[in-house]
Amino acid sequence: MTTEGIEAVFMETHNWGKAAKFFQGLGYELEFATDHNSGQLRNGDSPTLFIAEIPADRQPQVQLVLKVADADAFRTGEGVELETPFEDTHFGTRMATVRDPDGRLWSLQAPAKSES
């Protein structure tokens, strides 16, 4: 099993409120906000946009997140190695990373393991 396209864009900002307002001005709707200056927006059926505020002394980054239907069934194709294996996140998914030939990290996100 391989990836299923872009699931989300993870974006860091120095001002959560201004960033959220900016994207709302571009047609994104707020799906939820957290109590620690972050939240998720979406425009139609596009990938989600998750924005998190970071300290002013850090350079904001943008990360694309690729969708994986099942972390346990996921297998990389030729020339791709997992940089970090799938691990549970505090926000209810499982994430891993791969590194492309130019050195960029790509996040892979799968649903949490179902409790059987």
PDB file of N, CA and C in Angstrom:
ATOM      1  N   MET A   1       0.833  -1.171   0.000  1.00  0.00           N
ATOM      2  CA  MET A   1       0.000   0.000   0.000  1.00  0.00           C
ATOM      3  C   MET A   1       0.887   1.248   0.000  1.00  0.00           C
ATOM      4  N   THR A   2       0.527   2.247  -0.798  1.00  0.00           N
ATOM      5  CA  THR A   2       1.296   3.478  -0.884  1.00  0.00           C
ATOM      6  C   THR A   2       0.455   4.650  -0.369  1.00  0.00           C
ATOM      7  N   THR A   3       0.931   5.868  -0.577  1.00  0.00           N
ATOM      8  CA  THR A   3       0.189   7.044  -0.117  1.00  0.00           C
ATOM      9  C   THR A   3      -1.011   7.311  -1.015  1.00  0.00           C
ATOM     10  N   GLU A   4      -1.916   8.154  -0.514  1.00  0.00           N
ATOM     11  CA  GLU A   4      -3.149   8.476  -1.234  1.00  0.00           C
ATOM     12  C   GLU A   4      -3.262   9.971  -1.522  1.00  0.00           C
ATOM     13  N   GLY A   5      -2.150  10.655  -1.651  1.00  0.00           N
ATOM     14  CA  GLY A   5      -2.181  12.085  -1.959  1.00  0.00           C
ATOM     15  C   GLY A   5      -1.965  12.948  -0.737  1.00  0.00           C
ATOM     16  N   ILE A   6      -2.092  14.249  -0.929  1.00  0.00           N
ATOM     17  CA  ILE A   6      -1.874  15.203   0.158  1.00  0.00           C
ATOM     18  C   ILE A   6      -3.109  15.240   1.044  1.00  0.00           C
ATOM     19  N   GLU A   7      -2.896  14.996   2.330  1.00  0.00           N
ATOM     20  CA  GLU A   7      -3.996  15.038   3.296  1.00  0.00           C
ATOM     21  C   GLU A   7      -4.085  16.403   3.971  1.00  0.00           C
ATOM     22  N   ALA A   8      -2.925  16.995   4.250  1.00  0.00           N
ATOM     23  CA  ALA A   8      -2.931  18.247   5.002  1.00  0.00           C
ATOM     24  C   ALA A   8      -1.670  19.048   4.732  1.00  0.00           C
ATOM     25  N   VAL A   9      -1.770  20.318   5.054  1.00  0.00           N
ATOM     26  CA  VAL A   9      -0.617  21.201   5.081  1.00  0.00           C
ATOM     27  C   VAL A   9      -0.468  21.643   6.530  1.00  0.00           C
ATOM     28  N   PHE A  10       0.710  21.437   7.094  1.00  0.00           N
ATOM     29  CA  PHE A  10       1.006  21.878   8.452  1.00  0.00           C
ATOM     30  C   PHE A  10       1.862  23.126   8.333  1.00  0.00           C
ATOM     31  N   MET A  11       1.392  24.229   8.917  1.00  0.00           N
ATOM     32  CA  MET A  11       2.077  25.502   8.782  1.00  0.00           C
ATOM     33  C   MET A  11       2.322  26.115  10.154  1.00  0.00           C
ATOM     34  N   GLU A  12       3.541  26.567  10.374  1.00  0.00           N
ATOM     35  CA  GLU A  12       3.866  27.280  11.600  1.00  0.00           C
ATOM     36  C   GLU A  12       3.761  28.783  11.347  1.00  0.00           C
ATOM     37  N   THR A  13       3.427  29.531  12.391  1.00  0.00           N
ATOM     38  CA  THR A  13       3.261  30.975  12.290  1.00  0.00           C
ATOM     39  C   THR A  13       3.713  31.638  13.581  1.00  0.00           C
ATOM     40  N   HIS A  14       3.981  32.919  13.499  1.00  0.00           N
ATOM     41  CA  HIS A  14       4.302  33.686  14.708  1.00  0.00           C
ATOM     42  C   HIS A  14       3.053  34.319  15.308  1.00  0.00           C
ATOM     43  N   ASN A  15       1.920  34.274  14.579  1.00  0.00           N
ATOM     44  CA  ASN A  15       0.693  34.861  15.094  1.00  0.00           C
ATOM     45  C   ASN A  15      -0.502  34.065  14.586  1.00  0.00           C
ATOM     46  N   TRP A  16      -0.999  33.165  15.426  1.00  0.00           N
ATOM     47  CA  TRP A  16      -2.104  32.287  15.061  1.00  0.00           C
ATOM     48  C   TRP A  16      -3.330  33.086  14.621  1.00  0.00           C
ATOM     49  N   GLY A  17      -3.708  34.100  15.371  1.00  0.00           N
ATOM     50  CA  GLY A  17      -4.908  34.866  15.056  1.00  0.00           C
ATOM     51  C   GLY A  17      -4.842  35.535  13.692  1.00  0.00           C
ATOM     52  N   LYS A  18      -3.722  36.179  13.388  1.00  0.00           N
ATOM     53  CA  LYS A  18      -3.568  36.839  12.089  1.00  0.00           C
ATOM     54  C   LYS A  18      -3.529  35.820  10.959  1.00  0.00           C
ATOM     55  N   ALA A  19      -2.845  34.691  11.169  1.00  0.00           N
ATOM     56  CA  ALA A  19      -2.772  33.661  10.124  1.00  0.00           C
ATOM     57  C   ALA A  19      -4.155  33.077   9.846  1.00  0.00           C
ATOM     58  N   ALA A  20      -4.913  32.775  10.903  1.00  0.00           N
ATOM     59  CA  ALA A  20      -6.258  32.222  10.717  1.00  0.00           C
ATOM     60  C   ALA A  20      -7.142  33.215   9.972  1.00  0.00           C
ATOM     61  N   LYS A  21      -7.079  34.477  10.349  1.00  0.00           N
ATOM     62  CA  LYS A  21      -7.884  35.508   9.693  1.00  0.00           C
ATOM     63  C   LYS A  21      -7.491  35.641   8.215  1.00  0.00           C
ATOM     64  N   PHE A  22      -6.196  35.588   7.924  1.00  0.00           N
ATOM     65  CA  PHE A  22      -5.713  35.665   6.547  1.00  0.00           C
ATOM     66  C   PHE A  22      -6.333  34.556   5.697  1.00  0.00           C
ATOM     67  N   PHE A  23      -6.262  33.307   6.176  1.00  0.00           N
ATOM     68  CA  PHE A  23      -6.793  32.197   5.382  1.00  0.00           C
ATOM     69  C   PHE A  23      -8.312  32.219   5.322  1.00  0.00           C
ATOM     70  N   GLN A  24      -8.972  32.707   6.380  1.00  0.00           N
ATOM     71  CA  GLN A  24     -10.421  32.863   6.313  1.00  0.00           C
ATOM     72  C   GLN A  24     -10.780  33.895   5.240  1.00  0.00           C
ATOM     73  N   GLY A  25      -9.956  34.918   5.076  1.00  0.00           N
ATOM     74  CA  GLY A  25     -10.164  35.904   4.030  1.00  0.00           C
ATOM     75  C   GLY A  25      -9.986  35.341   2.629  1.00  0.00           C
ATOM     76  N   LEU A  26      -9.320  34.184   2.535  1.00  0.00           N
ATOM     77  CA  LEU A  26      -9.143  33.493   1.255  1.00  0.00           C
ATOM     78  C   LEU A  26     -10.185  32.388   1.047  1.00  0.00           C
ATOM     79  N   GLY A  27     -11.172  32.317   1.942  1.00  0.00           N
ATOM     80  CA  GLY A  27     -12.248  31.351   1.773  1.00  0.00           C
ATOM     81  C   GLY A  27     -12.169  30.105   2.635  1.00  0.00           C
ATOM     82  N   TYR A  28     -11.162  30.000   3.483  1.00  0.00           N
ATOM     83  CA  TYR A  28     -11.059  28.845   4.379  1.00  0.00           C
ATOM     84  C   TYR A  28     -12.006  29.022   5.558  1.00  0.00           C
ATOM     85  N   GLU A  29     -12.555  27.930   6.027  1.00  0.00           N
ATOM     86  CA  GLU A  29     -13.427  27.953   7.197  1.00  0.00           C
ATOM     87  C   GLU A  29     -12.723  27.266   8.354  1.00  0.00           C
ATOM     88  N   LEU A  30     -12.861  27.850   9.543  1.00  0.00           N
ATOM     89  CA  LEU A  30     -12.259  27.286  10.744  1.00  0.00           C
ATOM     90  C   LEU A  30     -13.025  26.034  11.149  1.00  0.00           C
ATOM     91  N   GLU A  31     -12.324  24.898  11.203  1.00  0.00           N
ATOM     92  CA  GLU A  31     -12.946  23.656  11.662  1.00  0.00           C
ATOM     93  C   GLU A  31     -12.836  23.531  13.174  1.00  0.00           C
ATOM     94  N   PHE A  32     -11.693  23.910  13.728  1.00  0.00           N
ATOM     95  CA  PHE A  32     -11.544  23.948  15.180  1.00  0.00           C
ATOM     96  C   PHE A  32     -10.310  24.759  15.545  1.00  0.00           C
ATOM     97  N   ALA A  33     -10.325  25.293  16.751  1.00  0.00           N
ATOM     98  CA  ALA A  33      -9.174  25.986  17.320  1.00  0.00           C
ATOM     99  C   ALA A  33      -8.842  25.298  18.639  1.00  0.00           C
ATOM    100  N   THR A  34      -7.575  25.293  18.993  1.00  0.00           N
ATOM    101  CA  THR A  34      -7.149  24.688  20.255  1.00  0.00           C
ATOM    102  C   THR A  34      -6.963  25.796  21.297  1.00  0.00           C
ATOM    103  N   ASP A  35      -6.663  25.394  22.508  1.00  0.00           N
ATOM    104  CA  ASP A  35      -6.391  26.379  23.556  1.00  0.00           C
ATOM    105  C   ASP A  35      -4.912  26.730  23.633  1.00  0.00           C
ATOM    106  N   HIS A  36      -4.129  26.320  22.635  1.00  0.00           N
ATOM    107  CA  HIS A  36      -2.700  26.657  22.617  1.00  0.00           C
ATOM    108  C   HIS A  36      -2.278  27.252  21.264  1.00  0.00           C
ATOM    109  N   ASN A  37      -3.089  28.206  20.791  1.00  0.00           N
ATOM    110  CA  ASN A  37      -2.778  28.997  19.591  1.00  0.00           C
ATOM    111  C   ASN A  37      -2.505  28.168  18.347  1.00  0.00           C
ATOM    112  N   SER A  38      -3.444  27.298  18.045  1.00  0.00           N
ATOM    113  CA  SER A  38      -3.369  26.523  16.815  1.00  0.00           C
ATOM    114  C   SER A  38      -4.787  26.140  16.415  1.00  0.00           C
ATOM    115  N   GLY A  39      -4.918  25.647  15.203  1.00  0.00           N
ATOM    116  CA  GLY A  39      -6.219  25.206  14.757  1.00  0.00           C
ATOM    117  C   GLY A  39      -6.190  24.714  13.334  1.00  0.00           C
ATOM    118  N   GLN A  40      -7.342  24.238  12.895  1.00  0.00           N
ATOM    119  CA  GLN A  40      -7.447  23.635  11.567  1.00  0.00           C
ATOM    120  C   GLN A  40      -8.503  24.346  10.751  1.00  0.00           C
ATOM    121  N   LEU A  41      -8.163  24.603   9.491  1.00  0.00           N
ATOM    122  CA  LEU A  41      -9.070  25.240   8.546  1.00  0.00           C
ATOM    123  C   LEU A  41      -9.178  24.362   7.300  1.00  0.00           C
ATOM    124  N   ARG A  42     -10.238  24.599   6.523  1.00  0.00           N
ATOM    125  CA  ARG A  42     -10.415  23.860   5.274  1.00  0.00           C
ATOM    126  C   ARG A  42     -11.177  24.735   4.290  1.00  0.00           C
ATOM    127  N   ASN A  43     -10.872  24.557   3.019  1.00  0.00           N
ATOM    128  CA  ASN A  43     -11.563  25.261   1.947  1.00  0.00           C
ATOM    129  C   ASN A  43     -12.199  24.189   1.072  1.00  0.00           C
ATOM    130  N   GLY A  44     -13.501  24.007   1.211  1.00  0.00           N
ATOM    131  CA  GLY A  44     -14.206  22.989   0.430  1.00  0.00           C
ATOM    132  C   GLY A  44     -13.715  21.599   0.780  1.00  0.00           C
ATOM    133  N   ASP A  45     -13.434  20.804  -0.260  1.00  0.00           N
ATOM    134  CA  ASP A  45     -12.951  19.445  -0.017  1.00  0.00           C
ATOM    135  C   ASP A  45     -11.433  19.342  -0.185  1.00  0.00           C
ATOM    136  N   SER A  46     -10.762  20.485  -0.058  1.00  0.00           N
ATOM    137  CA  SER A  46      -9.298  20.501  -0.180  1.00  0.00           C
ATOM    138  C   SER A  46      -8.653  19.873   1.057  1.00  0.00           C
ATOM    139  N   PRO A  47      -7.351  19.612   1.001  1.00  0.00           N
ATOM    140  CA  PRO A  47      -6.659  19.132   2.200  1.00  0.00           C
ATOM    141  C   PRO A  47      -6.810  20.128   3.346  1.00  0.00           C
ATOM    142  N   THR A  48      -6.746  19.644   4.571  1.00  0.00           N
ATOM    143  CA  THR A  48      -6.837  20.531   5.721  1.00  0.00           C
ATOM    144  C   THR A  48      -5.581  21.387   5.823  1.00  0.00           C
ATOM    145  N   LEU A  49      -5.726  22.520   6.476  1.00  0.00           N
ATOM    146  CA  LEU A  49      -4.621  23.418   6.762  1.00  0.00           C
ATOM    147  C   LEU A  49      -4.556  23.541   8.277  1.00  0.00           C
ATOM    148  N   PHE A  50      -3.505  22.983   8.873  1.00  0.00           N
ATOM    149  CA  PHE A  50      -3.329  23.079  10.323  1.00  0.00           C
ATOM    150  C   PHE A  50      -2.253  24.114  10.583  1.00  0.00           C
ATOM    151  N   ILE A  51      -2.586  25.117  11.389  1.00  0.00           N
ATOM    152  CA  ILE A  51      -1.668  26.212  11.688  1.00  0.00           C
ATOM    153  C   ILE A  51      -1.347  26.193  13.173  1.00  0.00           C
ATOM    154  N   ALA A  52      -0.059  26.265  13.504  1.00  0.00           N
ATOM    155  CA  ALA A  52       0.382  26.273  14.903  1.00  0.00           C
ATOM    156  C   ALA A  52       1.316  27.458  15.136  1.00  0.00           C
ATOM    157  N   GLU A  53       1.073  28.174  16.225  1.00  0.00           N
ATOM    158  CA  GLU A  53       1.928  29.299  16.576  1.00  0.00           C
ATOM    159  C   GLU A  53       3.211  28.798  17.236  1.00  0.00           C
ATOM    160  N   ILE A  54       4.332  29.406  16.842  1.00  0.00           N
ATOM    161  CA  ILE A  54       5.641  29.062  17.408  1.00  0.00           C
ATOM    162  C   ILE A  54       6.287  30.334  17.959  1.00  0.00           C
ATOM    163  N   PRO A  55       7.318  30.186  18.796  1.00  0.00           N
ATOM    164  CA  PRO A  55       8.006  31.373  19.336  1.00  0.00           C
ATOM    165  C   PRO A  55       8.654  32.211  18.234  1.00  0.00           C
ATOM    166  N   ALA A  56       8.787  33.503  18.507  1.00  0.00           N
ATOM    167  CA  ALA A  56       9.331  34.456  17.538  1.00  0.00           C
ATOM    168  C   ALA A  56      10.765  34.154  17.144  1.00  0.00           C
ATOM    169  N   ASP A  57      11.510  33.432  17.974  1.00  0.00           N
ATOM    170  CA  ASP A  57      12.920  33.146  17.661  1.00  0.00           C
ATOM    171  C   ASP A  57      13.096  31.933  16.753  1.00  0.00           C
ATOM    172  N   ARG A  58      12.002  31.289  16.350  1.00  0.00           N
ATOM    173  CA  ARG A  58      12.066  30.152  15.420  1.00  0.00           C
ATOM    174  C   ARG A  58      11.574  30.571  14.052  1.00  0.00           C
ATOM    175  N   GLN A  59      12.164  30.018  13.020  1.00  0.00           N
ATOM    176  CA  GLN A  59      11.752  30.277  11.638  1.00  0.00           C
ATOM    177  C   GLN A  59      10.519  29.424  11.309  1.00  0.00           C
ATOM    178  N   PRO A  60       9.402  30.026  10.899  1.00  0.00           N
ATOM    179  CA  PRO A  60       8.217  29.236  10.551  1.00  0.00           C
ATOM    180  C   PRO A  60       8.493  28.297   9.370  1.00  0.00           C
ATOM    181  N   GLN A  61       7.950  27.107   9.457  1.00  0.00           N
ATOM    182  CA  GLN A  61       8.110  26.079   8.434  1.00  0.00           C
ATOM    183  C   GLN A  61       6.740  25.682   7.888  1.00  0.00           C
ATOM    184  N   VAL A  62       6.735  25.069   6.714  1.00  0.00           N
ATOM    185  CA  VAL A  62       5.536  24.481   6.120  1.00  0.00           C
ATOM    186  C   VAL A  62       5.862  23.033   5.795  1.00  0.00           C
ATOM    187  N   GLN A  63       4.950  22.136   6.122  1.00  0.00           N
ATOM    188  CA  GLN A  63       5.168  20.713   5.879  1.00  0.00           C
ATOM    189  C   GLN A  63       3.925  20.131   5.208  1.00  0.00           C
ATOM    190  N   LEU A  64       4.114  19.440   4.098  1.00  0.00           N
ATOM    191  CA  LEU A  64       3.013  18.708   3.484  1.00  0.00           C
ATOM    192  C   LEU A  64       2.882  17.349   4.153  1.00  0.00           C
ATOM    193  N   VAL A  65       1.649  16.917   4.355  1.00  0.00           N
ATOM    194  CA  VAL A  65       1.372  15.641   5.009  1.00  0.00           C
ATOM    195  C   VAL A  65       0.655  14.751   4.002  1.00  0.00           C
ATOM    196  N   LEU A  66       1.237  13.591   3.709  1.00  0.00           N
ATOM    197  CA  LEU A  66       0.647  12.645   2.760  1.00  0.00           C
ATOM    198  C   LEU A  66      -0.219  11.642   3.499  1.00  0.00           C
ATOM    199  N   LYS A  67      -1.328  11.289   2.895  1.00  0.00           N
ATOM    200  CA  LYS A  67      -2.302  10.378   3.515  1.00  0.00           C
ATOM    201  C   LYS A  67      -1.896   8.928   3.295  1.00  0.00           C
ATOM    202  N   VAL A  68      -2.007   8.137   4.357  1.00  0.00           N
ATOM    203  CA  VAL A  68      -1.799   6.689   4.318  1.00  0.00           C
ATOM    204  C   VAL A  68      -3.030   6.057   4.961  1.00  0.00           C
ATOM    205  N   ALA A  69      -3.666   5.126   4.282  1.00  0.00           N
ATOM    206  CA  ALA A  69      -4.904   4.530   4.795  1.00  0.00           C
ATOM    207  C   ALA A  69      -4.664   3.626   6.001  1.00  0.00           C
ATOM    208  N   ASP A  70      -3.550   2.890   5.993  1.00  0.00           N
ATOM    209  CA  ASP A  70      -3.281   1.919   7.054  1.00  0.00           C
ATOM    210  C   ASP A  70      -1.779   1.834   7.276  1.00  0.00           C
ATOM    211  N   ALA A  71      -1.323   2.325   8.412  1.00  0.00           N
ATOM    212  CA  ALA A  71       0.112   2.343   8.701  1.00  0.00           C
ATOM    213  C   ALA A  71       0.708   0.941   8.714  1.00  0.00           C
ATOM    214  N   ASP A  72      -0.038  -0.043   9.201  1.00  0.00           N
ATOM    215  CA  ASP A  72       0.491  -1.410   9.288  1.00  0.00           C
ATOM    216  C   ASP A  72       0.640  -2.057   7.915  1.00  0.00           C
ATOM    217  N   ALA A  73      -0.187  -1.650   6.962  1.00  0.00           N
ATOM    218  CA  ALA A  73      -0.123  -2.220   5.619  1.00  0.00           C
ATOM    219  C   ALA A  73       0.789  -1.407   4.686  1.00  0.00           C
ATOM    220  N   PHE A  74       1.258  -0.256   5.141  1.00  0.00           N
ATOM    221  CA  PHE A  74       2.060   0.628   4.287  1.00  0.00           C
ATOM    222  C   PHE A  74       3.424   0.022   3.974  1.00  0.00           C
ATOM    223  N   ARG A  75       3.794   0.082   2.718  1.00  0.00           N
ATOM    224  CA  ARG A  75       5.121  -0.360   2.265  1.00  0.00           C
ATOM    225  C   ARG A  75       5.657   0.714   1.331  1.00  0.00           C
ATOM    226  N   THR A  76       6.907   1.079   1.501  1.00  0.00           N
ATOM    227  CA  THR A  76       7.502   2.075   0.618  1.00  0.00           C
ATOM    228  C   THR A  76       7.852   1.431  -0.718  1.00  0.00           C
ATOM    229  N   GLY A  77       7.874   2.263  -1.742  1.00  0.00           N
ATOM    230  CA  GLY A  77       8.287   1.812  -3.057  1.00  0.00           C
ATOM    231  C   GLY A  77       9.795   1.889  -3.180  1.00  0.00           C
ATOM    232  N   GLU A  78      10.301   1.492  -4.325  1.00  0.00           N
ATOM    233  CA  GLU A  78      11.740   1.497  -4.594  1.00  0.00           C
ATOM    234  C   GLU A  78      12.318   2.898  -4.402  1.00  0.00           C
ATOM    235  N   GLY A  79      13.438   2.970  -3.722  1.00  0.00           N
ATOM    236  CA  GLY A  79      14.128   4.240  -3.511  1.00  0.00           C
ATOM    237  C   GLY A  79      13.605   5.069  -2.353  1.00  0.00           C
ATOM    238  N   VAL A  80      12.653   4.533  -1.590  1.00  0.00           N
ATOM    239  CA  VAL A  80      12.085   5.266  -0.456  1.00  0.00           C
ATOM    240  C   VAL A  80      12.302   4.459   0.812  1.00  0.00           C
ATOM    241  N   GLU A  81      12.875   5.108   1.819  1.00  0.00           N
ATOM    242  CA  GLU A  81      13.055   4.471   3.120  1.00  0.00           C
ATOM    243  C   GLU A  81      12.418   5.336   4.188  1.00  0.00           C
ATOM    244  N   LEU A  82      11.831   4.684   5.187  1.00  0.00           N
ATOM    245  CA  LEU A  82      11.278   5.436   6.306  1.00  0.00           C
ATOM    246  C   LEU A  82      12.409   6.091   7.086  1.00  0.00           C
ATOM    247  N   GLU A  83      12.286   7.365   7.318  1.00  0.00           N
ATOM    248  CA  GLU A  83      13.225   8.105   8.155  1.00  0.00           C
ATOM    249  C   GLU A  83      12.884   7.838   9.619  1.00  0.00           C
ATOM    250  N   THR A  84      11.591   7.928   9.937  1.00  0.00           N
ATOM    251  CA  THR A  84      11.092   7.554  11.259  1.00  0.00           C
ATOM    252  C   THR A  84       9.873   6.665  11.054  1.00  0.00           C
ATOM    253  N   PRO A  85       9.723   5.613  11.838  1.00  0.00           N
ATOM    254  CA  PRO A  85       8.592   4.704  11.677  1.00  0.00           C
ATOM    255  C   PRO A  85       7.295   5.336  12.187  1.00  0.00           C
ATOM    256  N   PHE A  86       6.175   4.713  11.854  1.00  0.00           N
ATOM    257  CA  PHE A  86       4.885   5.193  12.331  1.00  0.00           C
ATOM    258  C   PHE A  86       4.833   5.125  13.851  1.00  0.00           C
ATOM    259  N   GLU A  87       4.387   6.242  14.431  1.00  0.00           N
ATOM    260  CA  GLU A  87       4.211   6.333  15.884  1.00  0.00           C
ATOM    261  C   GLU A  87       2.896   7.039  16.158  1.00  0.00           C
ATOM    262  N   ASP A  88       2.283   6.696  17.283  1.00  0.00           N
ATOM    263  CA  ASP A  88       1.060   7.367  17.698  1.00  0.00           C
ATOM    264  C   ASP A  88       1.359   8.821  18.035  1.00  0.00           C
ATOM    265  N   THR A  89       0.409   9.700  17.694  1.00  0.00           N
ATOM    266  CA  THR A  89       0.551  11.123  18.017  1.00  0.00           C
ATOM    267  C   THR A  89      -0.388  11.486  19.174  1.00  0.00           C
ATOM    268  N   HIS A  90      -0.175  12.641  19.756  1.00  0.00           N
ATOM    269  CA  HIS A  90      -1.057  13.118  20.822  1.00  0.00           C
ATOM    270  C   HIS A  90      -2.398  13.597  20.270  1.00  0.00           C
ATOM    271  N   PHE A  91      -2.498  13.745  18.949  1.00  0.00           N
ATOM    272  CA  PHE A  91      -3.750  14.225  18.358  1.00  0.00           C
ATOM    273  C   PHE A  91      -4.519  13.117  17.643  1.00  0.00           C
ATOM    274  N   GLY A  92      -4.216  11.853  17.949  1.00  0.00           N
ATOM    275  CA  GLY A  92      -5.057  10.750  17.502  1.00  0.00           C
ATOM    276  C   GLY A  92      -4.798  10.161  16.140  1.00  0.00           C
ATOM    277  N   THR A  93      -3.572  10.285  15.625  1.00  0.00           N
ATOM    278  CA  THR A  93      -3.217   9.641  14.361  1.00  0.00           C
ATOM    279  C   THR A  93      -1.909   8.882  14.569  1.00  0.00           C
ATOM    280  N   ARG A  94      -1.411   8.302  13.497  1.00  0.00           N
ATOM    281  CA  ARG A  94      -0.068   7.703  13.506  1.00  0.00           C
ATOM    282  C   ARG A  94       0.728   8.393  12.406  1.00  0.00           C
ATOM    283  N   MET A  95       1.965   8.802  12.716  1.00  0.00           N
ATOM    284  CA  MET A  95       2.768   9.529  11.741  1.00  0.00           C
ATOM    285  C   MET A  95       4.147   8.915  11.595  1.00  0.00           C
ATOM    286  N   ALA A  96       4.675   9.033  10.377  1.00  0.00           N
ATOM    287  CA  ALA A  96       6.031   8.602  10.033  1.00  0.00           C
ATOM    288  C   ALA A  96       6.606   9.675   9.116  1.00  0.00           C
ATOM    289  N   THR A  97       7.900   9.581   8.826  1.00  0.00           N
ATOM    290  CA  THR A  97       8.504  10.505   7.867  1.00  0.00           C
ATOM    291  C   THR A  97       9.387   9.749   6.893  1.00  0.00           C
ATOM    292  N   VAL A  98       9.503  10.323   5.700  1.00  0.00           N
ATOM    293  CA  VAL A  98      10.440   9.864   4.678  1.00  0.00           C
ATOM    294  C   VAL A  98      11.220  11.094   4.220  1.00  0.00           C
ATOM    295  N   ARG A  99      12.400  10.887   3.664  1.00  0.00           N
ATOM    296  CA  ARG A  99      13.225  11.993   3.172  1.00  0.00           C
ATOM    297  C   ARG A  99      13.368  11.848   1.662  1.00  0.00           C
ATOM    298  N   ASP A 100      13.100  12.942   0.933  1.00  0.00           N
ATOM    299  CA  ASP A 100      13.206  12.884  -0.519  1.00  0.00           C
ATOM    300  C   ASP A 100      14.665  13.057  -0.955  1.00  0.00           C
ATOM    301  N   PRO A 101      14.972  12.869  -2.241  1.00  0.00           N
ATOM    302  CA  PRO A 101      16.358  12.947  -2.710  1.00  0.00           C
ATOM    303  C   PRO A 101      17.046  14.291  -2.454  1.00  0.00           C
ATOM    304  N   ASP A 102      16.259  15.370  -2.258  1.00  0.00           N
ATOM    305  CA  ASP A 102      16.844  16.678  -1.976  1.00  0.00           C
ATOM    306  C   ASP A 102      16.956  16.974  -0.485  1.00  0.00           C
ATOM    307  N   GLY A 103      16.613  15.988   0.353  1.00  0.00           N
ATOM    308  CA  GLY A 103      16.787  16.141   1.786  1.00  0.00           C
ATOM    309  C   GLY A 103      15.573  16.637   2.548  1.00  0.00           C
ATOM    310  N   ARG A 104      14.456  16.918   1.859  1.00  0.00           N
ATOM    311  CA  ARG A 104      13.250  17.381   2.552  1.00  0.00           C
ATOM    312  C   ARG A 104      12.558  16.217   3.249  1.00  0.00           C
ATOM    313  N   LEU A 105      12.039  16.477   4.447  1.00  0.00           N
ATOM    314  CA  LEU A 105      11.236  15.485   5.150  1.00  0.00           C
ATOM    315  C   LEU A 105       9.775  15.611   4.722  1.00  0.00           C
ATOM    316  N   TRP A 106       9.150  14.479   4.501  1.00  0.00           N
ATOM    317  CA  TRP A 106       7.724  14.408   4.197  1.00  0.00           C
ATOM    318  C   TRP A 106       7.055  13.615   5.304  1.00  0.00           C
ATOM    319  N   SER A 107       5.952  14.149   5.820  1.00  0.00           N
ATOM    320  CA  SER A 107       5.182  13.439   6.851  1.00  0.00           C
ATOM    321  C   SER A 107       4.168  12.517   6.200  1.00  0.00           C
ATOM    322  N   LEU A 108       3.990  11.347   6.779  1.00  0.00           N
ATOM    323  CA  LEU A 108       2.968  10.390   6.361  1.00  0.00           C
ATOM    324  C   LEU A 108       2.028  10.234   7.535  1.00  0.00           C
ATOM    325  N   GLN A 109       0.719  10.372   7.295  1.00  0.00           N
ATOM    326  CA  GLN A 109      -0.241  10.290   8.385  1.00  0.00           C
ATOM    327  C   GLN A 109      -1.272   9.221   8.095  1.00  0.00           C
ATOM    328  N   ALA A 110      -1.498   8.364   9.098  1.00  0.00           N
ATOM    329  CA  ALA A 110      -2.480   7.296   9.005  1.00  0.00           C
ATOM    330  C   ALA A 110      -3.417   7.389  10.220  1.00  0.00           C
ATOM    331  N   PRO A 111      -4.595   6.829  10.105  1.00  0.00           N
ATOM    332  CA  PRO A 111      -5.485   6.816  11.270  1.00  0.00           C
ATOM    333  C   PRO A 111      -4.845   6.032  12.416  1.00  0.00           C
ATOM    334  N   ALA A 112      -5.298   6.321  13.625  1.00  0.00           N
ATOM    335  CA  ALA A 112      -4.845   5.577  14.799  1.00  0.00           C
ATOM    336  C   ALA A 112      -5.284   4.123  14.662  1.00  0.00           C
ATOM    337  N   LYS A 113      -4.562   3.237  15.337  1.00  0.00           N
ATOM    338  CA  LYS A 113      -4.977   1.821  15.344  1.00  0.00           C
ATOM    339  C   LYS A 113      -6.353   1.713  15.958  1.00  0.00           C
ATOM    340  N   SER A 114      -7.193   0.907  15.333  1.00  0.00           N
ATOM    341  CA  SER A 114      -8.529   0.714  15.913  1.00  0.00           C
ATOM    342  C   SER A 114      -8.419  -0.271  17.072  1.00  0.00           C
ATOM    343  N   GLU A 115      -9.189   0.035  18.095  1.00  0.00           N
ATOM    344  CA  GLU A 115      -9.212  -0.821  19.272  1.00  0.00           C
ATOM    345  C   GLU A 115     -10.167  -1.977  18.999  1.00  0.00           C
ATOM    346  N   SER A 116      -9.650  -3.171  18.914  1.00  0.00           N
ATOM    347  CA  SER A 116     -10.509  -4.325  18.620  1.00  0.00           C
ATOM    348  C   SER A 116     -10.761  -5.128  19.862  1.00  0.00           C
TER     349      SER A 116
END
